[in-house]
Structures are given as C-alpha cells and as structure tokens.
Amino acid sequence: MTLSTSPLAYEDCRQAMDAALDDPVGVRLAVPDLDAAYNLRLRLNQARRLNRDDNKKLYEPDHPMHGRSMYDRLVFKIKQLNGQRFLYLEQTLAIAPKIEPLSGVKEEAKPAKPEPLTLQVTKDPLGKTHIEFKRRF
C-alpha cells in the first residue's frame, strides 16, 4: 500500500506534530504494536514531506521556509517502556548535546586510548583456523 499524497489524510499527524512543537521536549503516542509504530512513523514523515512541498509553492526561493517544514525540528523514535510501545516525537533542540566553545577550555584534551583488543585463534573439527578479534567496551 502506498501513502496518500493528500494533505487531508494526515490531519492526525499534523495535530500530533503541533502538540510536540508546543511542548518544550515533545510528546509520545501509545501504539499497539511495532507494525503500528512503523506505519505511524511513515505517515508522520509523509505529512512532513507534504508540508515541505507546500512551503516550496508558498514561499519564494529566498525565504527561509522555502522547501522546509516547521516539523523538521522533530525526530520520531520508537521506544518500549514496561511492555508498552510508544512513538516519541521529540524536538531536536531538546535532545541536542551540550556545546562548549573550545576557547573556554583550559586543559588540553588527550586522545582517548582504544580499548584492549584480544585475539582468539581456534580450529574447527575439519582443521580450519578461525581468528576472532574482540574489543572490550
């Protein structure tokens, strides 16, 4: 089944994404199973794409919203909590890592040392040698 290209088919998706933008972090939607989560995520991405297409027609090429969507700030993640599946609509601004300017850092960062690597050599019953590398994390 292909996804609809009509913006009217995604009113529920727009409502969910608007709610996610209204909250400082985002929202989550309970879904019955993994298939429903994948399907809803596809529909949300399609709604966002259609919004970008509409904005491309609405705004001039030099406008910041030309070919972009206000929903581009959202990321959709499937998560499970206590046996219940959810589709999280999170604002990327809320999950951005802390950014520190290097001009304010006094000490010099040292390169991280790689974890020890172990090598295991085994022979199977046919006499074939197998080499396995393992790194501890």
Protein backbone atom coordinates (compact mmCIF):
# COMPACT_ATOMS: atom_id res chain seq x y z
CA MET A 1 0.00 0.00 0.00
CA THR A 2 1.37 3.42 -0.90
CA LEU A 3 1.00 6.51 1.22
CA SER A 4 -1.56 9.14 0.29
CA THR A 5 -0.35 12.36 -1.29
CA SER A 6 -3.34 14.32 0.01
CA PRO A 7 -2.58 16.59 2.98
CA LEU A 8 -6.12 15.90 4.25
CA ALA A 9 -5.13 12.30 5.01
CA TYR A 10 -2.68 13.46 7.69
CA GLU A 11 -4.71 15.72 9.97
CA ASP A 12 -3.99 13.40 12.93
CA CYS A 13 -0.27 13.56 12.17
CA ARG A 14 -0.28 17.34 12.00
CA GLN A 15 -2.11 17.52 15.34
CA ALA A 16 0.48 15.23 16.94
CA MET A 17 3.40 17.18 15.48
CA ASP A 18 1.85 20.51 16.55
CA ALA A 19 1.48 19.14 20.09
CA ALA A 20 5.15 18.05 20.01
CA LEU A 21 6.22 21.55 18.98
CA ASP A 22 4.07 23.11 21.72
CA ASP A 23 5.87 21.12 24.43
CA PRO A 24 9.49 22.03 25.29
CA VAL A 25 10.60 18.40 24.78
CA GLY A 26 7.91 16.72 22.67
CA VAL A 27 5.16 14.11 23.06
CA ARG A 28 4.72 10.38 22.84
CA LEU A 29 1.94 8.35 21.27
CA ALA A 30 0.97 4.90 22.55
CA VAL A 31 0.85 2.32 19.77
CA PRO A 32 -0.49 -1.24 19.97
CA ASP A 33 2.47 -2.95 18.29
CA LEU A 34 5.63 -2.48 16.26
CA ASP A 35 3.82 -2.55 12.90
CA ALA A 36 1.53 0.27 14.02
CA ALA A 37 4.57 2.25 15.21
CA TYR A 38 6.35 1.84 11.85
CA ASN A 39 3.19 2.75 9.95
CA LEU A 40 2.58 5.85 12.06
CA ARG A 41 6.20 6.93 11.69
CA LEU A 42 5.88 6.59 7.91
CA ARG A 43 2.71 8.68 7.95
CA LEU A 44 4.35 11.37 10.10
CA ASN A 45 7.31 11.59 7.72
CA GLN A 46 4.97 11.75 4.72
CA ALA A 47 2.96 14.56 6.36
CA ARG A 48 6.21 16.44 6.99
CA ARG A 49 7.30 15.93 3.37
CA LEU A 50 3.96 17.21 2.06
CA ASN A 51 4.33 20.27 4.29
CA ARG A 52 7.77 20.92 2.78
CA ASP A 53 6.29 20.61 -0.71
CA ASP A 54 3.51 23.07 0.17
CA ASN A 55 6.04 25.52 1.57
CA LYS A 56 8.06 25.28 -1.63
CA LYS A 57 4.99 26.50 -3.52
CA LEU A 58 4.01 29.10 -0.92
CA TYR A 59 7.33 30.81 -0.28
CA GLU A 60 9.81 32.41 -2.64
CA PRO A 61 13.18 30.62 -3.08
CA ASP A 62 14.98 33.22 -0.93
CA HIS A 63 12.59 32.74 2.02
CA PRO A 64 13.88 30.60 4.95
CA MET A 65 10.79 28.35 4.83
CA HIS A 66 11.06 27.59 1.10
CA GLY A 67 11.18 23.80 0.83
CA ARG A 68 11.35 23.42 4.60
CA SER A 69 8.88 22.48 7.28
CA MET A 70 8.41 23.68 10.84
CA TYR A 71 8.16 19.96 11.62
CA ASP A 72 11.79 19.43 10.56
CA ARG A 73 12.72 20.13 14.22
CA LEU A 74 11.13 16.81 15.21
CA VAL A 75 12.66 13.35 15.34
CA PHE A 76 10.48 10.23 15.58
CA LYS A 77 11.68 7.31 17.72
CA ILE A 78 10.04 4.02 18.58
CA LYS A 79 10.59 3.07 22.24
CA GLN A 80 9.30 0.41 24.62
CA LEU A 81 8.58 1.06 28.28
CA ASN A 82 7.19 -1.60 30.66
CA GLY A 83 5.92 -3.72 27.76
CA GLN A 84 4.11 -0.78 26.09
CA ARG A 85 5.34 0.64 22.79
CA PHE A 86 5.40 4.35 22.12
CA LEU A 87 6.28 6.58 19.22
CA TYR A 88 8.16 9.58 20.61
CA LEU A 89 8.02 12.88 18.73
CA GLU A 90 10.98 14.75 20.22
CA GLN A 91 12.27 18.20 19.44
CA THR A 92 15.86 18.01 18.28
CA LEU A 93 16.59 21.19 20.23
CA ALA A 94 15.55 19.42 23.42
CA ILE A 95 17.95 16.50 22.85
CA ALA A 96 20.91 18.44 21.48
CA PRO A 97 24.20 17.76 23.28
CA LYS A 98 25.80 20.50 25.31
CA ILE A 99 28.02 22.52 23.01
CA GLU A 100 31.12 24.08 24.55
CA PRO A 101 33.35 26.55 22.74
CA LEU A 102 36.96 25.37 22.78
CA SER A 103 38.20 28.88 23.56
CA GLY A 104 36.81 28.44 27.09
CA VAL A 105 38.51 25.08 27.73
CA LYS A 106 41.69 25.43 29.80
CA GLU A 107 43.08 21.90 29.79
CA GLU A 108 44.15 20.12 26.66
CA ALA A 109 42.08 17.07 25.84
CA LYS A 110 44.03 13.89 25.39
CA PRO A 111 43.08 11.41 22.69
CA ALA A 112 41.06 8.51 24.03
CA LYS A 113 43.02 5.27 24.24
CA PRO A 114 41.50 2.40 22.32
CA GLU A 115 40.14 -0.44 24.39
CA PRO A 116 42.32 -3.57 24.60
CA LEU A 117 41.95 -5.91 21.68
CA THR A 118 42.05 -9.65 22.21
CA LEU A 119 42.71 -12.24 19.59
CA GLN A 120 41.29 -15.74 19.75
CA VAL A 121 42.51 -18.44 17.36
CA THR A 122 40.55 -21.69 17.16
CA LYS A 123 40.45 -24.68 14.85
CA ASP A 124 37.23 -26.36 13.83
CA PRO A 125 36.87 -30.17 13.56
CA LEU A 126 37.98 -30.03 9.91
CA GLY A 127 41.24 -28.32 10.86
CA LYS A 128 40.25 -24.90 9.51
CA THR A 129 41.69 -21.99 11.51
CA HIS A 130 39.35 -19.26 12.74
CA ILE A 131 40.60 -15.92 14.02
CA GLU A 132 38.29 -13.75 16.11
CA PHE A 133 39.04 -10.23 17.29
CA LYS A 134 37.26 -8.91 20.37
CA ARG A 135 37.34 -5.46 21.85
CA ARG A 136 36.15 -4.83 25.41
CA PHE A 137 33.83 -1.88 25.79
